[in-house]
N, C-alpha and C. Protein backbone atom coordinates (compact mmCIF):
# COMPACT_ATOMS: atom_id res chain seq x y z
N MET A 1 -18.05 181.97 116.90
CA MET A 1 -17.46 181.30 118.05
C MET A 1 -16.57 180.17 117.56
N LYS A 2 -15.36 180.15 118.06
CA LYS A 2 -14.41 179.10 117.69
C LYS A 2 -14.37 178.04 118.78
N THR A 3 -14.46 176.81 118.36
CA THR A 3 -14.43 175.70 119.32
C THR A 3 -12.99 175.26 119.56
N PHE A 4 -12.83 174.41 120.54
CA PHE A 4 -11.50 173.87 120.80
C PHE A 4 -11.00 173.08 119.58
N ASN A 5 -11.89 172.35 118.95
CA ASN A 5 -11.49 171.59 117.77
C ASN A 5 -10.98 172.51 116.66
N ASP A 6 -11.57 173.69 116.55
CA ASP A 6 -11.12 174.67 115.55
C ASP A 6 -9.68 175.10 115.81
N ILE A 7 -9.37 175.44 117.05
CA ILE A 7 -8.01 175.91 117.37
C ILE A 7 -7.01 174.75 117.27
N TRP A 8 -7.42 173.57 117.69
CA TRP A 8 -6.53 172.41 117.63
C TRP A 8 -6.20 172.09 116.17
N GLN A 9 -7.20 172.15 115.32
CA GLN A 9 -6.98 171.88 113.90
C GLN A 9 -6.11 172.98 113.27
N LEU A 10 -6.36 174.24 113.65
CA LEU A 10 -5.56 175.34 113.13
C LEU A 10 -4.09 175.18 113.49
N LEU A 11 -3.84 174.82 114.74
CA LEU A 11 -2.45 174.66 115.19
C LEU A 11 -1.83 173.39 114.64
N SER A 12 -2.66 172.41 114.32
CA SER A 12 -2.24 171.09 113.83
C SER A 12 -0.90 170.66 114.39
N PRO A 13 -0.88 170.43 115.72
CA PRO A 13 0.38 170.08 116.37
C PRO A 13 0.94 168.73 115.92
N LYS A 14 2.23 168.64 115.97
CA LYS A 14 2.91 167.39 115.64
C LYS A 14 2.57 166.35 116.71
N VAL A 15 2.75 165.10 116.37
CA VAL A 15 2.43 163.99 117.26
C VAL A 15 3.10 164.14 118.62
N GLU A 16 4.29 164.68 118.64
CA GLU A 16 5.02 164.82 119.91
C GLU A 16 4.33 165.75 120.90
N TYR A 17 3.38 166.57 120.42
CA TYR A 17 2.65 167.48 121.31
C TYR A 17 1.24 167.00 121.63
N ALA A 18 0.90 165.80 121.25
CA ALA A 18 -0.43 165.26 121.51
C ALA A 18 -0.75 165.22 123.01
N ASN A 19 0.29 165.08 123.83
CA ASN A 19 0.07 165.04 125.27
C ASN A 19 -0.31 166.41 125.85
N ARG A 20 -0.31 167.44 125.05
CA ARG A 20 -0.70 168.78 125.48
C ARG A 20 -2.19 169.07 125.24
N LYS A 21 -2.86 168.14 124.62
CA LYS A 21 -4.25 168.40 124.21
C LYS A 21 -5.16 168.71 125.40
N LYS A 22 -5.06 167.95 126.47
CA LYS A 22 -5.92 168.17 127.63
C LYS A 22 -5.64 169.53 128.26
N ALA A 23 -4.36 169.89 128.41
CA ALA A 23 -4.01 171.19 128.99
C ALA A 23 -4.48 172.33 128.09
N CYS A 24 -4.37 172.15 126.79
CA CYS A 24 -4.86 173.16 125.84
C CYS A 24 -6.37 173.32 125.95
N TYR A 25 -7.05 172.19 126.04
CA TYR A 25 -8.50 172.22 126.16
C TYR A 25 -8.93 172.97 127.43
N GLU A 26 -8.29 172.68 128.53
CA GLU A 26 -8.64 173.33 129.80
C GLU A 26 -8.38 174.83 129.75
N LEU A 27 -7.26 175.22 129.12
CA LEU A 27 -6.99 176.65 128.96
C LEU A 27 -8.04 177.28 128.05
N TRP A 28 -8.33 176.64 126.93
CA TRP A 28 -9.26 177.19 125.94
C TRP A 28 -10.64 177.43 126.55
N ILE A 29 -11.16 176.47 127.29
CA ILE A 29 -12.51 176.63 127.85
C ILE A 29 -12.55 177.63 129.01
N SER A 30 -11.37 177.97 129.56
CA SER A 30 -11.34 178.96 130.63
C SER A 30 -11.41 180.39 130.08
N LEU A 31 -11.24 180.54 128.78
CA LEU A 31 -11.25 181.86 128.14
C LEU A 31 -12.66 182.26 127.75
N THR A 32 -12.89 183.55 127.67
CA THR A 32 -14.19 184.02 127.19
C THR A 32 -14.27 183.78 125.69
N GLU A 33 -15.46 183.83 125.15
CA GLU A 33 -15.66 183.64 123.72
C GLU A 33 -14.89 184.71 122.94
N ASN A 34 -14.89 185.93 123.43
CA ASN A 34 -14.17 187.02 122.79
C ASN A 34 -12.66 186.74 122.77
N GLN A 35 -12.13 186.27 123.89
CA GLN A 35 -10.70 185.93 123.96
C GLN A 35 -10.37 184.80 122.99
N GLN A 36 -11.23 183.80 122.94
CA GLN A 36 -11.01 182.68 122.02
C GLN A 36 -10.97 183.16 120.58
N ASP A 37 -11.95 183.98 120.20
CA ASP A 37 -12.00 184.50 118.84
C ASP A 37 -10.77 185.34 118.51
N THR A 38 -10.35 186.16 119.46
CA THR A 38 -9.19 187.02 119.25
C THR A 38 -7.93 186.20 119.06
N ILE A 39 -7.75 185.19 119.89
CA ILE A 39 -6.57 184.33 119.79
C ILE A 39 -6.60 183.55 118.47
N PHE A 40 -7.75 182.99 118.14
CA PHE A 40 -7.87 182.23 116.90
C PHE A 40 -7.54 183.11 115.70
N ASP A 41 -8.10 184.31 115.68
CA ASP A 41 -7.87 185.23 114.56
C ASP A 41 -6.40 185.64 114.46
N ALA A 42 -5.77 185.91 115.60
CA ALA A 42 -4.36 186.31 115.60
C ALA A 42 -3.47 185.19 115.08
N ILE A 43 -3.72 183.97 115.52
CA ILE A 43 -2.92 182.83 115.07
C ILE A 43 -3.17 182.57 113.59
N SER A 44 -4.44 182.65 113.17
CA SER A 44 -4.77 182.45 111.75
C SER A 44 -4.04 183.46 110.88
N GLU A 45 -4.05 184.70 111.31
CA GLU A 45 -3.40 185.77 110.55
C GLU A 45 -1.89 185.53 110.44
N LYS A 46 -1.27 185.16 111.56
CA LYS A 46 0.17 184.89 111.54
C LYS A 46 0.50 183.74 110.60
N LEU A 47 -0.26 182.67 110.70
CA LEU A 47 0.00 181.51 109.84
C LEU A 47 -0.20 181.85 108.37
N ALA A 48 -1.23 182.64 108.07
CA ALA A 48 -1.49 183.03 106.68
C ALA A 48 -0.36 183.87 106.11
N LYS A 49 0.30 184.64 106.98
CA LYS A 49 1.41 185.49 106.54
C LYS A 49 2.75 184.78 106.62
N GLY A 50 2.73 183.50 107.01
CA GLY A 50 3.96 182.72 107.11
C GLY A 50 4.81 183.07 108.31
N LYS A 51 4.22 183.71 109.31
CA LYS A 51 4.95 184.08 110.52
C LYS A 51 4.98 182.91 111.49
N PHE A 52 5.95 182.96 112.40
CA PHE A 52 6.14 181.88 113.36
C PHE A 52 5.05 181.85 114.42
N VAL A 53 4.53 180.66 114.65
CA VAL A 53 3.63 180.37 115.76
C VAL A 53 4.26 179.17 116.47
N ASP A 54 4.36 179.26 117.78
CA ASP A 54 5.04 178.20 118.55
C ASP A 54 4.51 176.82 118.17
N TYR A 55 5.41 175.88 118.02
CA TYR A 55 5.03 174.51 117.65
C TYR A 55 4.25 173.82 118.77
N ASN A 56 4.55 174.19 120.01
CA ASN A 56 3.83 173.64 121.15
C ASN A 56 2.49 174.37 121.23
N PRO A 57 1.37 173.68 121.02
CA PRO A 57 0.08 174.35 120.98
C PRO A 57 -0.28 175.08 122.28
N LEU A 58 0.15 174.55 123.41
CA LEU A 58 -0.13 175.20 124.68
C LEU A 58 0.56 176.55 124.74
N PHE A 59 1.82 176.60 124.33
CA PHE A 59 2.56 177.86 124.33
C PHE A 59 1.99 178.81 123.29
N ALA A 60 1.55 178.30 122.16
CA ALA A 60 0.97 179.15 121.12
C ALA A 60 -0.26 179.88 121.66
N ILE A 61 -1.12 179.16 122.35
CA ILE A 61 -2.32 179.78 122.91
C ILE A 61 -1.95 180.75 124.02
N LYS A 62 -1.08 180.32 124.94
CA LYS A 62 -0.69 181.18 126.06
C LYS A 62 -0.02 182.46 125.57
N ASN A 63 0.86 182.34 124.60
CA ASN A 63 1.57 183.52 124.09
C ASN A 63 0.61 184.52 123.47
N HIS A 64 -0.36 184.05 122.74
CA HIS A 64 -1.31 184.97 122.12
C HIS A 64 -2.32 185.49 123.13
N TYR A 65 -2.60 184.73 124.16
CA TYR A 65 -3.48 185.22 125.21
C TYR A 65 -2.82 186.38 125.93
N ARG A 66 -1.56 186.24 126.26
CA ARG A 66 -0.84 187.32 126.94
C ARG A 66 -0.75 188.56 126.07
N GLN A 67 -0.49 188.36 124.79
CA GLN A 67 -0.34 189.50 123.89
C GLN A 67 -1.65 190.21 123.65
N ARG A 68 -2.74 189.52 123.72
CA ARG A 68 -4.02 190.08 123.32
C ARG A 68 -4.96 190.39 124.47
N SER A 69 -4.52 190.24 125.70
CA SER A 69 -5.47 190.35 126.80
C SER A 69 -5.37 191.67 127.57
N GLN A 70 -5.28 192.78 126.85
CA GLN A 70 -5.28 194.07 127.50
C GLN A 70 -6.71 194.42 127.87
N THR A 71 -6.91 194.86 129.10
CA THR A 71 -8.25 195.24 129.53
C THR A 71 -8.22 196.58 130.25
N LEU A 72 -9.33 197.27 130.22
CA LEU A 72 -9.54 198.49 130.99
C LEU A 72 -10.91 198.39 131.65
N SER A 73 -11.00 198.89 132.86
CA SER A 73 -12.31 198.96 133.49
C SER A 73 -13.14 200.01 132.77
N PHE A 74 -14.43 199.99 133.00
CA PHE A 74 -15.33 200.97 132.40
C PHE A 74 -14.87 202.38 132.75
N ASN A 75 -14.56 202.62 134.03
CA ASN A 75 -14.15 203.95 134.48
C ASN A 75 -12.82 204.38 133.87
N ASP A 76 -11.85 203.46 133.82
CA ASP A 76 -10.55 203.79 133.23
C ASP A 76 -10.68 204.11 131.74
N TYR A 77 -11.54 203.36 131.05
CA TYR A 77 -11.76 203.61 129.63
C TYR A 77 -12.38 204.99 129.43
N TYR A 78 -13.38 205.30 130.23
CA TYR A 78 -14.04 206.60 130.09
C TYR A 78 -13.08 207.74 130.42
N THR A 79 -12.25 207.55 131.42
CA THR A 79 -11.25 208.57 131.77
C THR A 79 -10.27 208.79 130.62
N ARG A 80 -9.86 207.71 129.99
CA ARG A 80 -8.89 207.81 128.90
C ARG A 80 -9.48 208.45 127.65
N TYR A 81 -10.69 208.03 127.27
CA TYR A 81 -11.27 208.46 125.99
C TYR A 81 -12.40 209.49 126.11
N GLY A 82 -12.94 209.66 127.30
CA GLY A 82 -14.03 210.62 127.47
C GLY A 82 -15.32 210.19 126.81
N THR A 83 -15.45 208.91 126.52
CA THR A 83 -16.64 208.37 125.87
C THR A 83 -16.73 206.87 126.18
N THR A 84 -17.91 206.31 125.93
CA THR A 84 -18.06 204.86 126.07
C THR A 84 -18.03 204.17 124.71
N GLU A 85 -17.91 204.97 123.62
CA GLU A 85 -17.84 204.40 122.28
C GLU A 85 -16.53 203.65 122.10
N GLU A 86 -16.58 202.55 121.36
CA GLU A 86 -15.39 201.73 121.12
C GLU A 86 -14.43 202.47 120.19
N ARG A 87 -13.15 202.52 120.56
CA ARG A 87 -12.13 203.21 119.78
C ARG A 87 -10.81 202.46 119.86
N ASP A 88 -9.95 202.73 118.89
CA ASP A 88 -8.57 202.23 118.88
C ASP A 88 -8.45 200.72 119.12
N GLY A 89 -9.40 199.97 118.64
CA GLY A 89 -9.34 198.52 118.80
C GLY A 89 -9.92 197.99 120.10
N TRP A 90 -10.42 198.86 120.96
CA TRP A 90 -11.03 198.43 122.22
C TRP A 90 -12.48 198.04 121.97
N LYS A 91 -12.91 196.95 122.59
CA LYS A 91 -14.28 196.46 122.47
C LYS A 91 -14.90 196.33 123.85
N MET A 92 -16.14 196.76 123.96
CA MET A 92 -16.85 196.63 125.23
C MET A 92 -17.31 195.19 125.39
N THR A 93 -17.16 194.65 126.58
CA THR A 93 -17.62 193.30 126.87
C THR A 93 -18.13 193.25 128.30
N ASN A 94 -18.86 192.21 128.60
CA ASN A 94 -19.42 192.02 129.93
C ASN A 94 -19.24 190.56 130.31
N PRO A 95 -18.00 190.13 130.57
CA PRO A 95 -17.73 188.70 130.76
C PRO A 95 -18.39 188.05 131.96
N THR A 96 -18.62 188.81 133.01
CA THR A 96 -19.21 188.22 134.22
C THR A 96 -20.70 188.46 134.31
N GLY A 97 -21.23 189.29 133.42
CA GLY A 97 -22.65 189.59 133.46
C GLY A 97 -23.00 190.72 134.39
N ASN A 98 -22.02 191.24 135.12
CA ASN A 98 -22.33 192.35 136.02
C ASN A 98 -21.25 193.43 136.04
N CYS A 99 -20.26 193.35 135.16
CA CYS A 99 -19.17 194.31 135.17
C CYS A 99 -18.67 194.54 133.74
N VAL A 100 -18.96 195.71 133.19
CA VAL A 100 -18.51 196.03 131.84
C VAL A 100 -17.02 196.36 131.87
N ILE A 101 -16.27 195.78 130.93
CA ILE A 101 -14.87 196.11 130.76
C ILE A 101 -14.62 196.31 129.27
N TYR A 102 -13.48 196.84 128.95
CA TYR A 102 -13.06 197.00 127.56
C TYR A 102 -11.84 196.13 127.33
N VAL A 103 -11.84 195.41 126.22
CA VAL A 103 -10.75 194.50 125.87
C VAL A 103 -10.17 194.96 124.54
N LYS A 104 -8.86 195.07 124.48
CA LYS A 104 -8.22 195.46 123.23
C LYS A 104 -7.74 194.22 122.52
N SER A 105 -8.15 194.13 121.26
CA SER A 105 -7.75 192.97 120.46
C SER A 105 -6.79 193.36 119.38
């Protein structure tokens, strides 16, 4: 599990973006643990490869959330794959405690 401090430190925003910290925190805590881990891993991977990550930490998180937040309902997943086994990067999750969905990371 990645904390807000982990993502803030990873992004290490310049002083001019310090005023974005509260908005970033609110966005971060609104995400599921799986979404947080996926976003953190994607940003870490990009940075390690020297690829561009938005300097504005709020945009960096939002951009990776949009890119990584593909979901399928249980029924749609089963219709597509004919199984409930995880495939092609899809992971089963139960974010609300009463509705299984699949999230592609």
